[in-house]
C-alpha cells in the first residue's frame, strides 16, 4: 500500500474516533435531594415536654407540642 495513503487512512480513523466522542450526548446531571434532618425521638420528646411544662401542663395537647418540637428541631438542624 502507498505510505501516503496509509497515513491518510490512520489520520481519518483518528478523526472519526474523536468525532464519535463529541457526538455522544452529555450525561444528564443527577438530581440530589437536600438532606433532611430528622431529630431523634428522645430529642423531640424532651423539647415537647419543656413546651408542655412552660405552657401550663394542659391535657390533650400532646400532638401539638410534639409537632411544635419537631418543627423547631428541624429548623435549627443538627447540633
PDB file of N, CA and C in Angstrom:
ATOM      1  N   UNK A   1       0.846  -1.183   0.000  1.00  0.00           N
ATOM      2  CA  UNK A   1       0.000   0.000   0.000  1.00  0.00           C
ATOM      3  C   UNK A   1       0.888   1.242   0.000  1.00  0.00           C
ATOM      4  N   UNK A   2       0.379   2.275  -0.557  1.00  0.00           N
ATOM      5  CA  UNK A   2       1.074   3.544  -0.660  1.00  0.00           C
ATOM      6  C   UNK A   2       1.219   4.160   0.731  1.00  0.00           C
ATOM      7  N   UNK A   3       2.450   4.564   1.170  1.00  0.00           N
ATOM      8  CA  UNK A   3       2.658   5.126   2.505  1.00  0.00           C
ATOM      9  C   UNK A   3       1.855   6.402   2.759  1.00  0.00           C
ATOM     10  N   UNK A   4       1.676   7.205   1.755  1.00  0.00           N
ATOM     11  CA  UNK A   4       0.904   8.444   1.926  1.00  0.00           C
ATOM     12  C   UNK A   4      -0.561   8.105   2.159  1.00  0.00           C
ATOM     13  N   UNK A   5      -1.076   7.193   1.408  1.00  0.00           N
ATOM     14  CA  UNK A   5      -2.476   6.771   1.565  1.00  0.00           C
ATOM     15  C   UNK A   5      -2.673   6.117   2.930  1.00  0.00           C
ATOM     16  N   UNK A   6      -1.679   5.326   3.379  1.00  0.00           N
ATOM     17  CA  UNK A   6      -1.769   4.659   4.663  1.00  0.00           C
ATOM     18  C   UNK A   6      -1.853   5.685   5.803  1.00  0.00           C
ATOM     19  N   UNK A   7      -1.020   6.722   5.750  1.00  0.00           N
ATOM     20  CA  UNK A   7      -1.073   7.784   6.766  1.00  0.00           C
ATOM     21  C   UNK A   7      -2.419   8.498   6.747  1.00  0.00           C
ATOM     22  N   UNK A   8      -2.941   8.709   5.581  1.00  0.00           N
ATOM     23  CA  UNK A   8      -4.231   9.369   5.437  1.00  0.00           C
ATOM     24  C   UNK A   8      -5.332   8.541   6.087  1.00  0.00           C
ATOM     25  N   UNK A   9      -5.281   7.229   5.908  1.00  0.00           N
ATOM     26  CA  UNK A   9      -6.294   6.346   6.484  1.00  0.00           C
ATOM     27  C   UNK A   9      -6.207   6.359   8.019  1.00  0.00           C
ATOM     28  N   UNK A  10      -4.990   6.352   8.569  1.00  0.00           N
ATOM     29  CA  UNK A  10      -4.818   6.393  10.024  1.00  0.00           C
ATOM     30  C   UNK A  10      -5.325   7.726  10.551  1.00  0.00           C
ATOM     31  N   UNK A  11      -4.989   8.797   9.855  1.00  0.00           N
ATOM     32  CA  UNK A  11      -5.426  10.119  10.255  1.00  0.00           C
ATOM     33  C   UNK A  11      -6.948  10.201  10.261  1.00  0.00           C
ATOM     34  N   UNK A  12      -7.583   9.663   9.225  1.00  0.00           N
ATOM     35  CA  UNK A  12      -9.043   9.696   9.139  1.00  0.00           C
ATOM     36  C   UNK A  12      -9.687   8.867  10.239  1.00  0.00           C
ATOM     37  N   UNK A  13      -9.088   7.735  10.585  1.00  0.00           N
ATOM     38  CA  UNK A  13      -9.685   6.907  11.633  1.00  0.00           C
ATOM     39  C   UNK A  13      -9.588   7.617  12.989  1.00  0.00           C
ATOM     40  N   UNK A  14      -8.514   8.356  13.239  1.00  0.00           N
ATOM     41  CA  UNK A  14      -8.396   9.117  14.485  1.00  0.00           C
ATOM     42  C   UNK A  14      -9.433  10.236  14.526  1.00  0.00           C
ATOM     43  N   UNK A  15      -9.633  10.893  13.398  1.00  0.00           N
ATOM     44  CA  UNK A  15     -10.631  11.958  13.334  1.00  0.00           C
ATOM     45  C   UNK A  15     -12.024  11.400  13.590  1.00  0.00           C
ATOM     46  N   UNK A  16     -12.294  10.234  13.026  1.00  0.00           N
ATOM     47  CA  UNK A  16     -13.599   9.603  13.224  1.00  0.00           C
ATOM     48  C   UNK A  16     -13.835   9.246  14.672  1.00  0.00           C
ATOM     49  N   UNK A  17     -12.797   8.759  15.351  1.00  0.00           N
ATOM     50  CA  UNK A  17     -12.924   8.412  16.768  1.00  0.00           C
ATOM     51  C   UNK A  17     -13.190   9.663  17.599  1.00  0.00           C
ATOM     52  N   UNK A  18     -12.491  10.739  17.280  1.00  0.00           N
ATOM     53  CA  UNK A  18     -12.694  11.988  18.017  1.00  0.00           C
ATOM     54  C   UNK A  18     -14.089  12.528  17.760  1.00  0.00           C
ATOM     55  N   UNK A  19     -14.542  12.411  16.540  1.00  0.00           N
ATOM     56  CA  UNK A  19     -15.869  12.904  16.184  1.00  0.00           C
ATOM     57  C   UNK A  19     -16.934  12.116  16.949  1.00  0.00           C
ATOM     58  N   UNK A  20     -16.758  10.794  17.050  1.00  0.00           N
ATOM     59  CA  UNK A  20     -17.728   9.966  17.767  1.00  0.00           C
ATOM     60  C   UNK A  20     -17.817  10.358  19.234  1.00  0.00           C
ATOM     61  N   UNK A  21     -16.699  10.729  19.826  1.00  0.00           N
ATOM     62  CA  UNK A  21     -16.714  11.142  21.227  1.00  0.00           C
ATOM     63  C   UNK A  21     -17.528  12.416  21.398  1.00  0.00           C
ATOM     64  N   UNK A  22     -17.414  13.329  20.470  1.00  0.00           N
ATOM     65  CA  UNK A  22     -18.144  14.590  20.567  1.00  0.00           C
ATOM     66  C   UNK A  22     -19.629  14.412  20.323  1.00  0.00           C
ATOM     67  N   UNK A  23     -20.000  13.434  19.548  1.00  0.00           N
ATOM     68  CA  UNK A  23     -21.403  13.252  19.195  1.00  0.00           C
ATOM     69  C   UNK A  23     -22.215  12.584  20.294  1.00  0.00           C
ATOM     70  N   UNK A  24     -21.547  11.975  21.272  1.00  0.00           N
ATOM     71  CA  UNK A  24     -22.276  11.313  22.341  1.00  0.00           C
ATOM     72  C   UNK A  24     -22.950  12.363  23.210  1.00  0.00           C
ATOM     73  N   UNK A  25     -24.197  12.128  23.565  1.00  0.00           N
ATOM     74  CA  UNK A  25     -24.891  13.110  24.400  1.00  0.00           C
ATOM     75  C   UNK A  25     -24.260  13.172  25.786  1.00  0.00           C
ATOM     76  N   UNK A  26     -24.251  14.354  26.322  1.00  0.00           N
ATOM     77  CA  UNK A  26     -23.700  14.535  27.666  1.00  0.00           C
ATOM     78  C   UNK A  26     -24.621  13.863  28.675  1.00  0.00           C
ATOM     79  N   UNK A  27     -24.026  13.332  29.723  1.00  0.00           N
ATOM     80  CA  UNK A  27     -24.838  12.709  30.761  1.00  0.00           C
ATOM     81  C   UNK A  27     -25.631  13.787  31.471  1.00  0.00           C
ATOM     82  N   UNK A  28     -26.889  13.482  31.748  1.00  0.00           N
ATOM     83  CA  UNK A  28     -27.699  14.467  32.449  1.00  0.00           C
ATOM     84  C   UNK A  28     -27.302  14.475  33.919  1.00  0.00           C
ATOM     85  N   UNK A  29     -27.335  15.644  34.539  1.00  0.00           N
ATOM     86  CA  UNK A  29     -26.946  15.730  35.946  1.00  0.00           C
ATOM     87  C   UNK A  29     -27.928  14.951  36.819  1.00  0.00           C
ATOM     88  N   UNK A  30     -27.413  14.372  37.854  1.00  0.00           N
ATOM     89  CA  UNK A  30     -28.232  13.603  38.776  1.00  0.00           C
ATOM     90  C   UNK A  30     -28.828  14.562  39.796  1.00  0.00           C
ATOM     91  N   UNK A  31     -30.131  14.466  39.977  1.00  0.00           N
ATOM     92  CA  UNK A  31     -30.794  15.319  40.951  1.00  0.00           C
ATOM     93  C   UNK A  31     -30.474  14.801  42.347  1.00  0.00           C
ATOM     94  N   UNK A  32     -30.019  15.694  43.190  1.00  0.00           N
ATOM     95  CA  UNK A  32     -29.680  15.333  44.555  1.00  0.00           C
ATOM     96  C   UNK A  32     -30.659  16.028  45.482  1.00  0.00           C
ATOM     97  N   UNK A  33     -31.329  15.227  46.272  1.00  0.00           N
ATOM     98  CA  UNK A  33     -32.276  15.785  47.228  1.00  0.00           C
ATOM     99  C   UNK A  33     -31.503  16.390  48.395  1.00  0.00           C
ATOM    100  N   UNK A  34     -31.951  17.547  48.859  1.00  0.00           N
ATOM    101  CA  UNK A  34     -31.272  18.110  50.011  1.00  0.00           C
ATOM    102  C   UNK A  34     -31.465  17.212  51.227  1.00  0.00           C
ATOM    103  N   UNK A  35     -30.441  17.151  52.061  1.00  0.00           N
ATOM    104  CA  UNK A  35     -30.522  16.328  53.255  1.00  0.00           C
ATOM    105  C   UNK A  35     -31.556  16.921  54.207  1.00  0.00           C
ATOM    106  N   UNK A  36     -32.380  16.060  54.749  1.00  0.00           N
ATOM    107  CA  UNK A  36     -33.393  16.493  55.704  1.00  0.00           C
ATOM    108  C   UNK A  36     -32.987  15.970  57.068  1.00  0.00           C
ATOM    109  N   UNK A  37     -32.936  16.863  58.043  1.00  0.00           N
ATOM    110  CA  UNK A  37     -32.565  16.480  59.393  1.00  0.00           C
ATOM    111  C   UNK A  37     -33.762  15.853  60.077  1.00  0.00           C
ATOM    112  N   UNK A  38     -33.554  14.692  60.667  1.00  0.00           N
ATOM    113  CA  UNK A  38     -34.595  14.002  61.417  1.00  0.00           C
ATOM    114  C   UNK A  38     -34.142  13.900  62.870  1.00  0.00           C
ATOM    115  N   UNK A  39     -34.709  14.726  63.740  1.00  0.00           N
ATOM    116  CA  UNK A  39     -34.313  14.652  65.148  1.00  0.00           C
ATOM    117  C   UNK A  39     -34.721  13.312  65.744  1.00  0.00           C
ATOM    118  N   UNK A  40     -33.993  12.880  66.757  1.00  0.00           N
ATOM    119  CA  UNK A  40     -34.308  11.598  67.393  1.00  0.00           C
ATOM    120  C   UNK A  40     -35.593  11.717  68.205  1.00  0.00           C
ATOM    121  N   UNK A  41     -36.161  10.575  68.505  1.00  0.00           N
ATOM    122  CA  UNK A  41     -37.386  10.513  69.308  1.00  0.00           C
ATOM    123  C   UNK A  41     -37.155  11.184  70.661  1.00  0.00           C
ATOM    124  N   UNK A  42     -36.015  10.905  71.279  1.00  0.00           N
ATOM    125  CA  UNK A  42     -35.713  11.476  72.594  1.00  0.00           C
ATOM    126  C   UNK A  42     -35.570  12.998  72.547  1.00  0.00           C
ATOM    127  N   UNK A  43     -34.937  13.509  71.485  1.00  0.00           N
ATOM    128  CA  UNK A  43     -34.790  14.966  71.358  1.00  0.00           C
ATOM    129  C   UNK A  43     -36.153  15.638  71.258  1.00  0.00           C
ATOM    130  N   UNK A  44     -37.025  15.061  70.439  1.00  0.00           N
ATOM    131  CA  UNK A  44     -38.364  15.639  70.272  1.00  0.00           C
ATOM    132  C   UNK A  44     -39.136  15.539  71.582  1.00  0.00           C
ATOM    133  N   UNK A  45     -39.049  14.393  72.240  1.00  0.00           N
ATOM    134  CA  UNK A  45     -39.784  14.191  73.493  1.00  0.00           C
ATOM    135  C   UNK A  45     -39.351  15.191  74.563  1.00  0.00           C
ATOM    136  N   UNK A  46     -38.035  15.414  74.699  1.00  0.00           N
ATOM    137  CA  UNK A  46     -37.548  16.358  75.718  1.00  0.00           C
ATOM    138  C   UNK A  46     -38.048  17.772  75.453  1.00  0.00           C
ATOM    139  N   UNK A  47     -37.974  18.200  74.176  1.00  0.00           N
ATOM    140  CA  UNK A  47     -38.416  19.555  73.850  1.00  0.00           C
ATOM    141  C   UNK A  47     -39.930  19.689  73.977  1.00  0.00           C
ATOM    142  N   UNK A  48     -40.672  18.687  73.551  1.00  0.00           N
ATOM    143  CA  UNK A  48     -42.128  18.724  73.674  1.00  0.00           C
ATOM    144  C   UNK A  48     -42.537  18.799  75.146  1.00  0.00           C
ATOM    145  N   UNK A  49     -41.826  18.074  75.989  1.00  0.00           N
ATOM    146  CA  UNK A  49     -42.099  18.105  77.429  1.00  0.00           C
ATOM    147  C   UNK A  49     -41.856  19.503  77.997  1.00  0.00           C
ATOM    148  N   UNK A  50     -40.763  20.142  77.556  1.00  0.00           N
ATOM    149  CA  UNK A  50     -40.492  21.511  78.013  1.00  0.00           C
ATOM    150  C   UNK A  50     -41.591  22.470  77.567  1.00  0.00           C
ATOM    151  N   UNK A  51     -42.044  22.340  76.310  1.00  0.00           N
ATOM    152  CA  UNK A  51     -43.143  23.192  75.831  1.00  0.00           C
ATOM    153  C   UNK A  51     -44.385  22.972  76.691  1.00  0.00           C
ATOM    154  N   UNK A  52     -44.679  21.722  76.965  1.00  0.00           N
ATOM    155  CA  UNK A  52     -45.866  21.360  77.745  1.00  0.00           C
ATOM    156  C   UNK A  52     -45.775  21.965  79.150  1.00  0.00           C
ATOM    157  N   UNK A  53     -44.605  21.868  79.779  1.00  0.00           N
ATOM    158  CA  UNK A  53     -44.424  22.433  81.110  1.00  0.00           C
ATOM    159  C   UNK A  53     -44.553  23.959  81.089  1.00  0.00           C
ATOM    160  N   UNK A  54     -43.895  24.575  80.102  1.00  0.00           N
ATOM    161  CA  UNK A  54     -43.898  26.043  80.038  1.00  0.00           C
ATOM    162  C   UNK A  54     -45.271  26.620  79.724  1.00  0.00           C
ATOM    163  N   UNK A  55     -46.138  25.828  79.119  1.00  0.00           N
ATOM    164  CA  UNK A  55     -47.462  26.343  78.753  1.00  0.00           C
ATOM    165  C   UNK A  55     -48.549  25.836  79.693  1.00  0.00           C
ATOM    166  N   UNK A  56     -48.166  25.434  80.896  1.00  0.00           N
ATOM    167  CA  UNK A  56     -49.157  25.139  81.929  1.00  0.00           C
ATOM    168  C   UNK A  56     -49.604  23.693  82.054  1.00  0.00           C
ATOM    169  N   UNK A  57     -48.947  22.759  81.385  1.00  0.00           N
ATOM    170  CA  UNK A  57     -49.253  21.323  81.513  1.00  0.00           C
ATOM    171  C   UNK A  57     -50.717  20.987  81.214  1.00  0.00           C
ATOM    172  N   UNK A  58     -51.248  21.562  80.176  1.00  0.00           N
ATOM    173  CA  UNK A  58     -52.649  21.308  79.818  1.00  0.00           C
ATOM    174  C   UNK A  58     -52.813  19.913  79.222  1.00  0.00           C
ATOM    175  N   UNK A  59     -53.939  19.298  79.492  1.00  0.00           N
ATOM    176  CA  UNK A  59     -54.226  17.949  78.979  1.00  0.00           C
ATOM    177  C   UNK A  59     -54.726  18.007  77.540  1.00  0.00           C
ATOM    178  N   UNK A  60     -54.411  16.980  76.772  1.00  0.00           N
ATOM    179  CA  UNK A  60     -54.958  16.830  75.435  1.00  0.00           C
ATOM    180  C   UNK A  60     -54.202  17.525  74.320  1.00  0.00           C
ATOM    181  N   UNK A  61     -53.062  18.133  74.611  1.00  0.00           N
ATOM    182  CA  UNK A  61     -52.317  18.854  73.576  1.00  0.00           C
ATOM    183  C   UNK A  61     -51.002  18.173  73.200  1.00  0.00           C
ATOM    184  N   UNK A  62     -50.901  16.858  73.444  1.00  0.00           N
ATOM    185  CA  UNK A  62     -49.652  16.146  73.208  1.00  0.00           C
ATOM    186  C   UNK A  62     -49.156  16.293  71.773  1.00  0.00           C
ATOM    187  N   UNK A  63     -50.043  16.110  70.820  1.00  0.00           N
ATOM    188  CA  UNK A  63     -49.653  16.184  69.405  1.00  0.00           C
ATOM    189  C   UNK A  63     -49.184  17.589  69.042  1.00  0.00           C
ATOM    190  N   UNK A  64     -49.854  18.581  69.578  1.00  0.00           N
ATOM    191  CA  UNK A  64     -49.474  19.976  69.312  1.00  0.00           C
ATOM    192  C   UNK A  64     -48.030  20.215  69.741  1.00  0.00           C
ATOM    193  N   UNK A  65     -47.695  19.813  70.973  1.00  0.00           N
ATOM    194  CA  UNK A  65     -46.340  20.019  71.476  1.00  0.00           C
ATOM    195  C   UNK A  65     -45.316  19.175  70.720  1.00  0.00           C
ATOM    196  N   UNK A  66     -45.703  17.972  70.359  1.00  0.00           N
ATOM    197  CA  UNK A  66     -44.799  17.083  69.608  1.00  0.00           C
ATOM    198  C   UNK A  66     -44.444  17.702  68.256  1.00  0.00           C
ATOM    199  N   UNK A  67     -45.480  18.132  67.521  1.00  0.00           N
ATOM    200  CA  UNK A  67     -45.249  18.725  66.191  1.00  0.00           C
ATOM    201  C   UNK A  67     -44.471  20.042  66.292  1.00  0.00           C
ATOM    202  N   UNK A  68     -44.764  20.818  67.315  1.00  0.00           N
ATOM    203  CA  UNK A  68     -44.052  22.074  67.530  1.00  0.00           C
ATOM    204  C   UNK A  68     -42.566  21.790  67.791  1.00  0.00           C
ATOM    205  N   UNK A  69     -42.277  20.777  68.601  1.00  0.00           N
ATOM    206  CA  UNK A  69     -40.896  20.410  68.915  1.00  0.00           C
ATOM    207  C   UNK A  69     -40.177  19.891  67.672  1.00  0.00           C
ATOM    208  N   UNK A  70     -40.842  19.031  66.909  1.00  0.00           N
ATOM    209  CA  UNK A  70     -40.234  18.512  65.666  1.00  0.00           C
ATOM    210  C   UNK A  70     -39.887  19.645  64.713  1.00  0.00           C
ATOM    211  N   UNK A  71     -40.839  20.549  64.533  1.00  0.00           N
ATOM    212  CA  UNK A  71     -40.630  21.670  63.599  1.00  0.00           C
ATOM    213  C   UNK A  71     -39.461  22.535  64.045  1.00  0.00           C
ATOM    214  N   UNK A  72     -39.378  22.817  65.338  1.00  0.00           N
ATOM    215  CA  UNK A  72     -38.284  23.667  65.815  1.00  0.00           C
ATOM    216  C   UNK A  72     -36.954  22.969  65.664  1.00  0.00           C
ATOM    217  N   UNK A  73     -36.870  21.681  65.984  1.00  0.00           N
ATOM    218  CA  UNK A  73     -35.617  20.956  65.856  1.00  0.00           C
ATOM    219  C   UNK A  73     -35.168  20.839  64.407  1.00  0.00           C
ATOM    220  N   UNK A  74     -36.099  20.631  63.491  1.00  0.00           N
ATOM    221  CA  UNK A  74     -35.738  20.566  62.072  1.00  0.00           C
ATOM    222  C   UNK A  74     -35.254  21.920  61.559  1.00  0.00           C
ATOM    223  N   UNK A  75     -35.849  22.992  62.080  1.00  0.00           N
ATOM    224  CA  UNK A  75     -35.478  24.339  61.640  1.00  0.00           C
ATOM    225  C   UNK A  75     -34.051  24.692  62.064  1.00  0.00           C
ATOM    226  N   UNK A  76     -33.662  24.250  63.265  1.00  0.00           N
ATOM    227  CA  UNK A  76     -32.322  24.605  63.730  1.00  0.00           C
ATOM    228  C   UNK A  76     -31.268  23.608  63.252  1.00  0.00           C
ATOM    229  N   UNK A  77     -31.681  22.426  62.814  1.00  0.00           N
ATOM    230  CA  UNK A  77     -30.754  21.439  62.266  1.00  0.00           C
ATOM    231  C   UNK A  77     -30.007  20.681  63.348  1.00  0.00           C
ATOM    232  N   UNK A  78     -29.075  19.837  62.904  1.00  0.00           N
ATOM    233  CA  UNK A  78     -28.332  19.017  63.869  1.00  0.00           C
ATOM    234  C   UNK A  78     -27.430  19.880  64.752  1.00  0.00           C
ATOM    235  N   UNK A  79     -27.268  19.442  65.976  1.00  0.00           N
ATOM    236  CA  UNK A  79     -26.414  20.216  66.899  1.00  0.00           C
ATOM    237  C   UNK A  79     -25.005  19.679  66.945  1.00  0.00           C
TER     238      UNK A  79
END
